[in-house]
Amino acid sequence: MAPAEQMRQIERAVRWLREVDGRLLCKRDDPEGPDGWVAVVKTPAATGRGAQLIVGFGDSALAAVETAQERWDHAWREISAVH
């Protein structure tokens, strides 16, 4: 992927994470080992349902946010189908 496209993807991911008041964490148990990234977001409560905590894991910050966003989109499709 071209650097400019990758930068646009990162900017979109960061913007989305801010919009949903999400958090991005980096975990490294071993200083010599790879980083592990975790994106955490919470959906607003819907009628008849409480909020859902969504966690996305990835080898990179972008991968973790993309995973969380996919799960977020899936949760909203389920909520929309009920209403």
PDB file of N, CA and C in Angstrom:
ATOM      1  N   MET A   1       0.843  -1.168   0.000  1.00  0.00           N
ATOM      2  CA  MET A   1       0.000   0.000   0.000  1.00  0.00           C
ATOM      3  C   MET A   1       0.895   1.241   0.000  1.00  0.00           C
ATOM      4  N   ALA A   2       0.497   2.212  -0.752  1.00  0.00           N
ATOM      5  CA  ALA A   2       1.267   3.447  -0.846  1.00  0.00           C
ATOM      6  C   ALA A   2       1.226   4.195   0.489  1.00  0.00           C
ATOM      7  N   PRO A   3       2.318   4.868   0.830  1.00  0.00           N
ATOM      8  CA  PRO A   3       2.362   5.599   2.114  1.00  0.00           C
ATOM      9  C   PRO A   3       1.240   6.619   2.276  1.00  0.00           C
ATOM     10  N   ALA A   4       0.881   7.306   1.202  1.00  0.00           N
ATOM     11  CA  ALA A   4      -0.180   8.312   1.293  1.00  0.00           C
ATOM     12  C   ALA A   4      -1.521   7.660   1.621  1.00  0.00           C
ATOM     13  N   GLU A   5      -1.814   6.520   1.009  1.00  0.00           N
ATOM     14  CA  GLU A   5      -3.063   5.805   1.286  1.00  0.00           C
ATOM     15  C   GLU A   5      -3.074   5.269   2.717  1.00  0.00           C
ATOM     16  N   GLN A   6      -1.945   4.757   3.158  1.00  0.00           N
ATOM     17  CA  GLN A   6      -1.854   4.251   4.520  1.00  0.00           C
ATOM     18  C   GLN A   6      -2.083   5.395   5.524  1.00  0.00           C
ATOM     19  N   MET A   7      -1.536   6.552   5.254  1.00  0.00           N
ATOM     20  CA  MET A   7      -1.730   7.706   6.134  1.00  0.00           C
ATOM     21  C   MET A   7      -3.202   8.108   6.177  1.00  0.00           C
ATOM     22  N   ARG A   8      -3.887   8.074   5.037  1.00  0.00           N
ATOM     23  CA  ARG A   8      -5.321   8.397   5.015  1.00  0.00           C
ATOM     24  C   ARG A   8      -6.113   7.393   5.853  1.00  0.00           C
ATOM     25  N   GLN A   9      -5.752   6.111   5.758  1.00  0.00           N
ATOM     26  CA  GLN A   9      -6.434   5.087   6.554  1.00  0.00           C
ATOM     27  C   GLN A   9      -6.221   5.333   8.046  1.00  0.00           C
ATOM     28  N   ILE A  10      -5.015   5.664   8.420  1.00  0.00           N
ATOM     29  CA  ILE A  10      -4.715   5.940   9.826  1.00  0.00           C
ATOM     30  C   ILE A  10      -5.493   7.158  10.300  1.00  0.00           C
ATOM     31  N   GLU A  11      -5.545   8.212   9.495  1.00  0.00           N
ATOM     32  CA  GLU A  11      -6.290   9.415   9.866  1.00  0.00           C
ATOM     33  C   GLU A  11      -7.770   9.111  10.042  1.00  0.00           C
ATOM     34  N   ARG A  12      -8.352   8.307   9.137  1.00  0.00           N
ATOM     35  CA  ARG A  12      -9.762   7.929   9.261  1.00  0.00           C
ATOM     36  C   ARG A  12      -9.993   7.116  10.525  1.00  0.00           C
ATOM     37  N   ALA A  13      -9.090   6.192  10.821  1.00  0.00           N
ATOM     38  CA  ALA A  13      -9.222   5.354  12.009  1.00  0.00           C
ATOM     39  C   ALA A  13      -9.164   6.187  13.282  1.00  0.00           C
ATOM     40  N   VAL A  14      -8.223   7.110  13.350  1.00  0.00           N
ATOM     41  CA  VAL A  14      -8.085   7.971  14.528  1.00  0.00           C
ATOM     42  C   VAL A  14      -9.323   8.854  14.677  1.00  0.00           C
ATOM     43  N   ARG A  15      -9.814   9.397  13.577  1.00  0.00           N
ATOM     44  CA  ARG A  15     -11.013  10.246  13.617  1.00  0.00           C
ATOM     45  C   ARG A  15     -12.217   9.457  14.141  1.00  0.00           C
ATOM     46  N   TRP A  16     -12.400   8.231  13.623  1.00  0.00           N
ATOM     47  CA  TRP A  16     -13.517   7.403  14.074  1.00  0.00           C
ATOM     48  C   TRP A  16     -13.392   7.086  15.558  1.00  0.00           C
ATOM     49  N   LEU A  17     -12.206   6.712  15.997  1.00  0.00           N
ATOM     50  CA  LEU A  17     -11.991   6.373  17.399  1.00  0.00           C
ATOM     51  C   LEU A  17     -12.335   7.558  18.303  1.00  0.00           C
ATOM     52  N   ARG A  18     -11.989   8.758  17.886  1.00  0.00           N
ATOM     53  CA  ARG A  18     -12.339   9.962  18.658  1.00  0.00           C
ATOM     54  C   ARG A  18     -13.841  10.209  18.656  1.00  0.00           C
ATOM     55  N   GLU A  19     -14.476   9.998  17.494  1.00  0.00           N
ATOM     56  CA  GLU A  19     -15.922  10.223  17.389  1.00  0.00           C
ATOM     57  C   GLU A  19     -16.707   9.329  18.344  1.00  0.00           C
ATOM     58  N   VAL A  20     -16.263   8.120  18.539  1.00  0.00           N
ATOM     59  CA  VAL A  20     -16.979   7.175  19.400  1.00  0.00           C
ATOM     60  C   VAL A  20     -16.401   7.135  20.807  1.00  0.00           C
ATOM     61  N   ASP A  21     -15.502   8.055  21.110  1.00  0.00           N
ATOM     62  CA  ASP A  21     -14.871   8.163  22.425  1.00  0.00           C
ATOM     63  C   ASP A  21     -14.177   6.848  22.805  1.00  0.00           C
ATOM     64  N   GLY A  22     -13.475   6.278  21.849  1.00  0.00           N
ATOM     65  CA  GLY A  22     -12.769   5.023  22.077  1.00  0.00           C
ATOM     66  C   GLY A  22     -11.375   5.248  22.632  1.00  0.00           C
ATOM     67  N   ARG A  23     -10.749   4.155  22.976  1.00  0.00           N
ATOM     68  CA  ARG A  23      -9.393   4.187  23.525  1.00  0.00           C
ATOM     69  C   ARG A  23      -8.526   3.211  22.747  1.00  0.00           C
ATOM     70  N   LEU A  24      -7.254   3.555  22.630  1.00  0.00           N
ATOM     71  CA  LEU A  24      -6.279   2.702  21.957  1.00  0.00           C
ATOM     72  C   LEU A  24      -5.124   2.469  22.921  1.00  0.00           C
ATOM     73  N   LEU A  25      -4.807   1.208  23.139  1.00  0.00           N
ATOM     74  CA  LEU A  25      -3.774   0.827  24.089  1.00  0.00           C
ATOM     75  C   LEU A  25      -2.735  -0.051  23.407  1.00  0.00           C
ATOM     76  N   CYS A  26      -1.485   0.113  23.828  1.00  0.00           N
ATOM     77  CA  CYS A  26      -0.404  -0.728  23.319  1.00  0.00           C
ATOM     78  C   CYS A  26       0.101  -1.570  24.480  1.00  0.00           C
ATOM     79  N   LYS A  27       0.225  -2.859  24.251  1.00  0.00           N
ATOM     80  CA  LYS A  27       0.678  -3.775  25.285  1.00  0.00           C
ATOM     81  C   LYS A  27       1.928  -4.486  24.796  1.00  0.00           C
ATOM     82  N   ARG A  28       2.952  -4.416  25.613  1.00  0.00           N
ATOM     83  CA  ARG A  28       4.181  -5.125  25.267  1.00  0.00           C
ATOM     84  C   ARG A  28       4.716  -5.762  26.546  1.00  0.00           C
ATOM     85  N   ASP A  29       4.607  -7.081  26.641  1.00  0.00           N
ATOM     86  CA  ASP A  29       5.131  -7.801  27.803  1.00  0.00           C
ATOM     87  C   ASP A  29       6.637  -7.945  27.726  1.00  0.00           C
ATOM     88  N   ASP A  30       7.113  -8.158  26.537  1.00  0.00           N
ATOM     89  CA  ASP A  30       8.532  -8.404  26.316  1.00  0.00           C
ATOM     90  C   ASP A  30       9.099  -7.260  25.481  1.00  0.00           C
ATOM     91  N   PRO A  31      10.054  -6.485  26.011  1.00  0.00           N
ATOM     92  CA  PRO A  31      10.612  -5.365  25.249  1.00  0.00           C
ATOM     93  C   PRO A  31      11.209  -5.790  23.907  1.00  0.00           C
ATOM     94  N   GLU A  32      11.597  -7.028  23.802  1.00  0.00           N
ATOM     95  CA  GLU A  32      12.164  -7.539  22.548  1.00  0.00           C
ATOM     96  C   GLU A  32      11.078  -8.043  21.598  1.00  0.00           C
ATOM     97  N   GLY A  33       9.888  -8.278  22.127  1.00  0.00           N
ATOM     98  CA  GLY A  33       8.814  -8.867  21.325  1.00  0.00           C
ATOM     99  C   GLY A  33       7.992  -7.835  20.591  1.00  0.00           C
ATOM    100  N   PRO A  34       7.022  -8.312  19.820  1.00  0.00           N
ATOM    101  CA  PRO A  34       6.167  -7.406  19.046  1.00  0.00           C
ATOM    102  C   PRO A  34       5.163  -6.683  19.944  1.00  0.00           C
ATOM    103  N   ASP A  35       4.676  -5.558  19.449  1.00  0.00           N
ATOM    104  CA  ASP A  35       3.633  -4.823  20.146  1.00  0.00           C
ATOM    105  C   ASP A  35       2.300  -5.536  19.916  1.00  0.00           C
ATOM    106  N   GLY A  36       1.429  -5.401  20.860  1.00  0.00           N
ATOM    107  CA  GLY A  36       0.050  -5.843  20.700  1.00  0.00           C
ATOM    108  C   GLY A  36      -0.835  -4.633  20.949  1.00  0.00           C
ATOM    109  N   TRP A  37      -1.783  -4.400  20.074  1.00  0.00           N
ATOM    110  CA  TRP A  37      -2.646  -3.225  20.177  1.00  0.00           C
ATOM    111  C   TRP A  37      -4.071  -3.633  20.492  1.00  0.00           C
ATOM    112  N   VAL A  38      -4.757  -2.797  21.288  1.00  0.00           N
ATOM    113  CA  VAL A  38      -6.139  -3.042  21.668  1.00  0.00           C
ATOM    114  C   VAL A  38      -6.917  -1.737  21.509  1.00  0.00           C
ATOM    115  N   ALA A  39      -8.013  -1.793  20.777  1.00  0.00           N
ATOM    116  CA  ALA A  39      -8.929  -0.657  20.653  1.00  0.00           C
ATOM    117  C   ALA A  39     -10.199  -1.023  21.409  1.00  0.00           C
ATOM    118  N   VAL A  40     -10.669  -0.114  22.254  1.00  0.00           N
ATOM    119  CA  VAL A  40     -11.849  -0.370  23.082  1.00  0.00           C
ATOM    120  C   VAL A  40     -12.858   0.753  22.841  1.00  0.00           C
ATOM    121  N   VAL A  41     -14.100   0.356  22.518  1.00  0.00           N
ATOM    122  CA  VAL A  41     -15.186   1.312  22.321  1.00  0.00           C
ATOM    123  C   VAL A  41     -16.437   0.763  22.990  1.00  0.00           C
ATOM    124  N   LYS A  42     -17.364   1.642  23.294  1.00  0.00           N
ATOM    125  CA  LYS A  42     -18.630   1.240  23.903  1.00  0.00           C
ATOM    126  C   LYS A  42     -19.756   1.832  23.078  1.00  0.00           C
ATOM    127  N   THR A  43     -20.707   0.990  22.699  1.00  0.00           N
ATOM    128  CA  THR A  43     -21.854   1.503  21.961  1.00  0.00           C
ATOM    129  C   THR A  43     -22.799   2.185  22.932  1.00  0.00           C
ATOM    130  N   PRO A  44     -23.518   3.198  22.479  1.00  0.00           N
ATOM    131  CA  PRO A  44     -24.555   3.764  23.341  1.00  0.00           C
ATOM    132  C   PRO A  44     -25.635   2.714  23.595  1.00  0.00           C
ATOM    133  N   ALA A  45     -26.309   2.836  24.709  1.00  0.00           N
ATOM    134  CA  ALA A  45     -27.404   1.916  25.013  1.00  0.00           C
ATOM    135  C   ALA A  45     -28.528   2.136  24.004  1.00  0.00           C
ATOM    136  N   ALA A  46     -29.138   1.056  23.574  1.00  0.00           N
ATOM    137  CA  ALA A  46     -30.275   1.125  22.657  1.00  0.00           C
ATOM    138  C   ALA A  46     -31.529   0.698  23.425  1.00  0.00           C
ATOM    139  N   THR A  47     -32.678   1.027  22.892  1.00  0.00           N
ATOM    140  CA  THR A  47     -33.928   0.657  23.525  1.00  0.00           C
ATOM    141  C   THR A  47     -33.955  -0.846  23.782  1.00  0.00           C
ATOM    142  N   GLY A  48     -34.159  -1.213  25.015  1.00  0.00           N
ATOM    143  CA  GLY A  48     -34.235  -2.632  25.361  1.00  0.00           C
ATOM    144  C   GLY A  48     -32.890  -3.321  25.472  1.00  0.00           C
ATOM    145  N   ARG A  49     -31.818  -2.601  25.283  1.00  0.00           N
ATOM    146  CA  ARG A  49     -30.462  -3.166  25.336  1.00  0.00           C
ATOM    147  C   ARG A  49     -29.537  -2.214  26.051  1.00  0.00           C
ATOM    148  N   GLY A  50     -28.644  -2.778  26.780  1.00  0.00           N
ATOM    149  CA  GLY A  50     -27.607  -1.956  27.391  1.00  0.00           C
ATOM    150  C   GLY A  50     -26.505  -1.685  26.384  1.00  0.00           C
ATOM    151  N   ALA A  51     -25.571  -0.888  26.796  1.00  0.00           N
ATOM    152  CA  ALA A  51     -24.414  -0.601  25.952  1.00  0.00           C
ATOM    153  C   ALA A  51     -23.579  -1.876  25.792  1.00  0.00           C
ATOM    154  N   GLN A  52     -22.865  -1.963  24.690  1.00  0.00           N
ATOM    155  CA  GLN A  52     -21.986  -3.099  24.440  1.00  0.00           C
ATOM    156  C   GLN A  52     -20.539  -2.610  24.437  1.00  0.00           C
ATOM    157  N   LEU A  53     -19.682  -3.347  25.100  1.00  0.00           N
ATOM    158  CA  LEU A  53     -18.257  -3.065  25.076  1.00  0.00           C
ATOM    159  C   LEU A  53     -17.652  -3.842  23.918  1.00  0.00           C
ATOM    160  N   ILE A  54     -16.941  -3.144  23.065  1.00  0.00           N
ATOM    161  CA  ILE A  54     -16.346  -3.767  21.883  1.00  0.00           C
ATOM    162  C   ILE A  54     -14.837  -3.637  21.992  1.00  0.00           C
ATOM    163  N   VAL A  55     -14.150  -4.753  21.786  1.00  0.00           N
ATOM    164  CA  VAL A  55     -12.702  -4.785  21.883  1.00  0.00           C
ATOM    165  C   VAL A  55     -12.139  -5.314  20.565  1.00  0.00           C
ATOM    166  N   GLY A  56     -11.191  -4.589  20.005  1.00  0.00           N
ATOM    167  CA  GLY A  56     -10.520  -5.017  18.777  1.00  0.00           C
ATOM    168  C   GLY A  56      -9.032  -5.196  19.045  1.00  0.00           C
ATOM    169  N   PHE A  57      -8.501  -6.329  18.647  1.00  0.00           N
ATOM    170  CA  PHE A  57      -7.077  -6.614  18.821  1.00  0.00           C
ATOM    171  C   PHE A  57      -6.372  -6.546  17.476  1.00  0.00           C
ATOM    172  N   GLY A  58      -5.084  -6.194  17.496  1.00  0.00           N
ATOM    173  CA  GLY A  58      -4.328  -6.170  16.253  1.00  0.00           C
ATOM    174  C   GLY A  58      -2.832  -6.093  16.503  1.00  0.00           C
ATOM    175  N   ASP A  59      -2.071  -6.434  15.473  1.00  0.00           N
ATOM    176  CA  ASP A  59      -0.616  -6.327  15.531  1.00  0.00           C
ATOM    177  C   ASP A  59      -0.156  -4.892  15.342  1.00  0.00           C
ATOM    178  N   SER A  60      -1.070  -4.047  14.860  1.00  0.00           N
ATOM    179  CA  SER A  60      -0.776  -2.626  14.686  1.00  0.00           C
ATOM    180  C   SER A  60      -1.953  -1.836  15.237  1.00  0.00           C
ATOM    181  N   ALA A  61      -1.737  -0.560  15.479  1.00  0.00           N
ATOM    182  CA  ALA A  61      -2.819   0.299  15.954  1.00  0.00           C
ATOM    183  C   ALA A  61      -3.953   0.324  14.935  1.00  0.00           C
ATOM    184  N   LEU A  62      -3.610   0.438  13.667  1.00  0.00           N
ATOM    185  CA  LEU A  62      -4.624   0.484  12.615  1.00  0.00           C
ATOM    186  C   LEU A  62      -5.439  -0.801  12.588  1.00  0.00           C
ATOM    187  N   ALA A  63      -4.788  -1.945  12.689  1.00  0.00           N
ATOM    188  CA  ALA A  63      -5.502  -3.225  12.663  1.00  0.00           C
ATOM    189  C   ALA A  63      -6.463  -3.341  13.846  1.00  0.00           C
ATOM    190  N   ALA A  64      -6.046  -2.897  15.027  1.00  0.00           N
ATOM    191  CA  ALA A  64      -6.911  -2.964  16.205  1.00  0.00           C
ATOM    192  C   ALA A  64      -8.141  -2.078  16.029  1.00  0.00           C
ATOM    193  N   VAL A  65      -7.941  -0.861  15.516  1.00  0.00           N
ATOM    194  CA  VAL A  65      -9.072   0.051  15.321  1.00  0.00           C
ATOM    195  C   VAL A  65      -9.996  -0.484  14.233  1.00  0.00           C
ATOM    196  N   GLU A  66      -9.452  -1.000  13.149  1.00  0.00           N
ATOM    197  CA  GLU A  66     -10.295  -1.549  12.082  1.00  0.00           C
ATOM    198  C   GLU A  66     -11.130  -2.719  12.592  1.00  0.00           C
ATOM    199  N   THR A  67     -10.549  -3.571  13.423  1.00  0.00           N
ATOM    200  CA  THR A  67     -11.292  -4.694  13.993  1.00  0.00           C
ATOM    201  C   THR A  67     -12.426  -4.193  14.880  1.00  0.00           C
ATOM    202  N   ALA A  68     -12.141  -3.217  15.728  1.00  0.00           N
ATOM    203  CA  ALA A  68     -13.182  -2.649  16.590  1.00  0.00           C
ATOM    204  C   ALA A  68     -14.281  -2.000  15.754  1.00  0.00           C
ATOM    205  N   GLN A  69     -13.892  -1.308  14.695  1.00  0.00           N
ATOM    206  CA  GLN A  69     -14.891  -0.641  13.849  1.00  0.00           C
ATOM    207  C   GLN A  69     -15.780  -1.658  13.134  1.00  0.00           C
ATOM    208  N   GLU A  70     -15.209  -2.753  12.670  1.00  0.00           N
ATOM    209  CA  GLU A  70     -16.019  -3.811  12.037  1.00  0.00           C
ATOM    210  C   GLU A  70     -17.034  -4.366  13.028  1.00  0.00           C
ATOM    211  N   ARG A  71     -16.604  -4.606  14.257  1.00  0.00           N
ATOM    212  CA  ARG A  71     -17.509  -5.136  15.280  1.00  0.00           C
ATOM    213  C   ARG A  71     -18.566  -4.103  15.664  1.00  0.00           C
ATOM    214  N   TRP A  72     -18.167  -2.842  15.710  1.00  0.00           N
ATOM    215  CA  TRP A  72     -19.108  -1.743  15.982  1.00  0.00           C
ATOM    216  C   TRP A  72     -20.186  -1.704  14.899  1.00  0.00           C
ATOM    217  N   ASP A  73     -19.770  -1.746  13.646  1.00  0.00           N
ATOM    218  CA  ASP A  73     -20.726  -1.727  12.529  1.00  0.00           C
ATOM    219  C   ASP A  73     -21.676  -2.920  12.615  1.00  0.00           C
ATOM    220  N   HIS A  74     -21.148  -4.086  12.939  1.00  0.00           N
ATOM    221  CA  HIS A  74     -21.968  -5.299  13.073  1.00  0.00           C
ATOM    222  C   HIS A  74     -22.997  -5.113  14.201  1.00  0.00           C
ATOM    223  N   ALA A  75     -22.562  -4.578  15.335  1.00  0.00           N
ATOM    224  CA  ALA A  75     -23.477  -4.353  16.457  1.00  0.00           C
ATOM    225  C   ALA A  75     -24.597  -3.410  16.057  1.00  0.00           C
ATOM    226  N   TRP A  76     -24.266  -2.349  15.324  1.00  0.00           N
ATOM    227  CA  TRP A  76     -25.306  -1.398  14.906  1.00  0.00           C
ATOM    228  C   TRP A  76     -26.244  -1.984  13.876  1.00  0.00           C
ATOM    229  N   ARG A  77     -25.753  -2.866  13.011  1.00  0.00           N
ATOM    230  CA  ARG A  77     -26.649  -3.537  12.050  1.00  0.00           C
ATOM    231  C   ARG A  77     -27.646  -4.409  12.815  1.00  0.00           C
ATOM    232  N   GLU A  78     -27.190  -5.106  13.853  1.00  0.00           N
ATOM    233  CA  GLU A  78     -28.091  -5.938  14.658  1.00  0.00           C
ATOM    234  C   GLU A  78     -29.128  -5.080  15.367  1.00  0.00           C
ATOM    235  N   ILE A  79     -28.695  -3.963  15.948  1.00  0.00           N
ATOM    236  CA  ILE A  79     -29.627  -3.082  16.643  1.00  0.00           C
ATOM    237  C   ILE A  79     -30.649  -2.515  15.656  1.00  0.00           C
ATOM    238  N   SER A  80     -30.204  -2.109  14.482  1.00  0.00           N
ATOM    239  CA  SER A  80     -31.102  -1.542  13.474  1.00  0.00           C
ATOM    240  C   SER A  80     -32.124  -2.558  12.989  1.00  0.00           C
ATOM    241  N   ALA A  81     -31.713  -3.817  12.893  1.00  0.00           N
ATOM    242  CA  ALA A  81     -32.624  -4.865  12.424  1.00  0.00           C
ATOM    243  C   ALA A  81     -33.739  -5.122  13.430  1.00  0.00           C
ATOM    244  N   VAL A  82     -33.472  -4.898  14.708  1.00  0.00           N
ATOM    245  CA  VAL A  82     -34.464  -5.118  15.755  1.00  0.00           C
ATOM    246  C   VAL A  82     -35.498  -3.992  15.759  1.00  0.00           C
ATOM    247  N   HIS A  83     -35.076  -2.774  15.401  1.00  0.00           N
ATOM    248  CA  HIS A  83     -35.967  -1.628  15.485  1.00  0.00           C
ATOM    249  C   HIS A  83     -36.532  -1.286  14.164  1.00  0.00           C
TER     250      HIS A  83
END
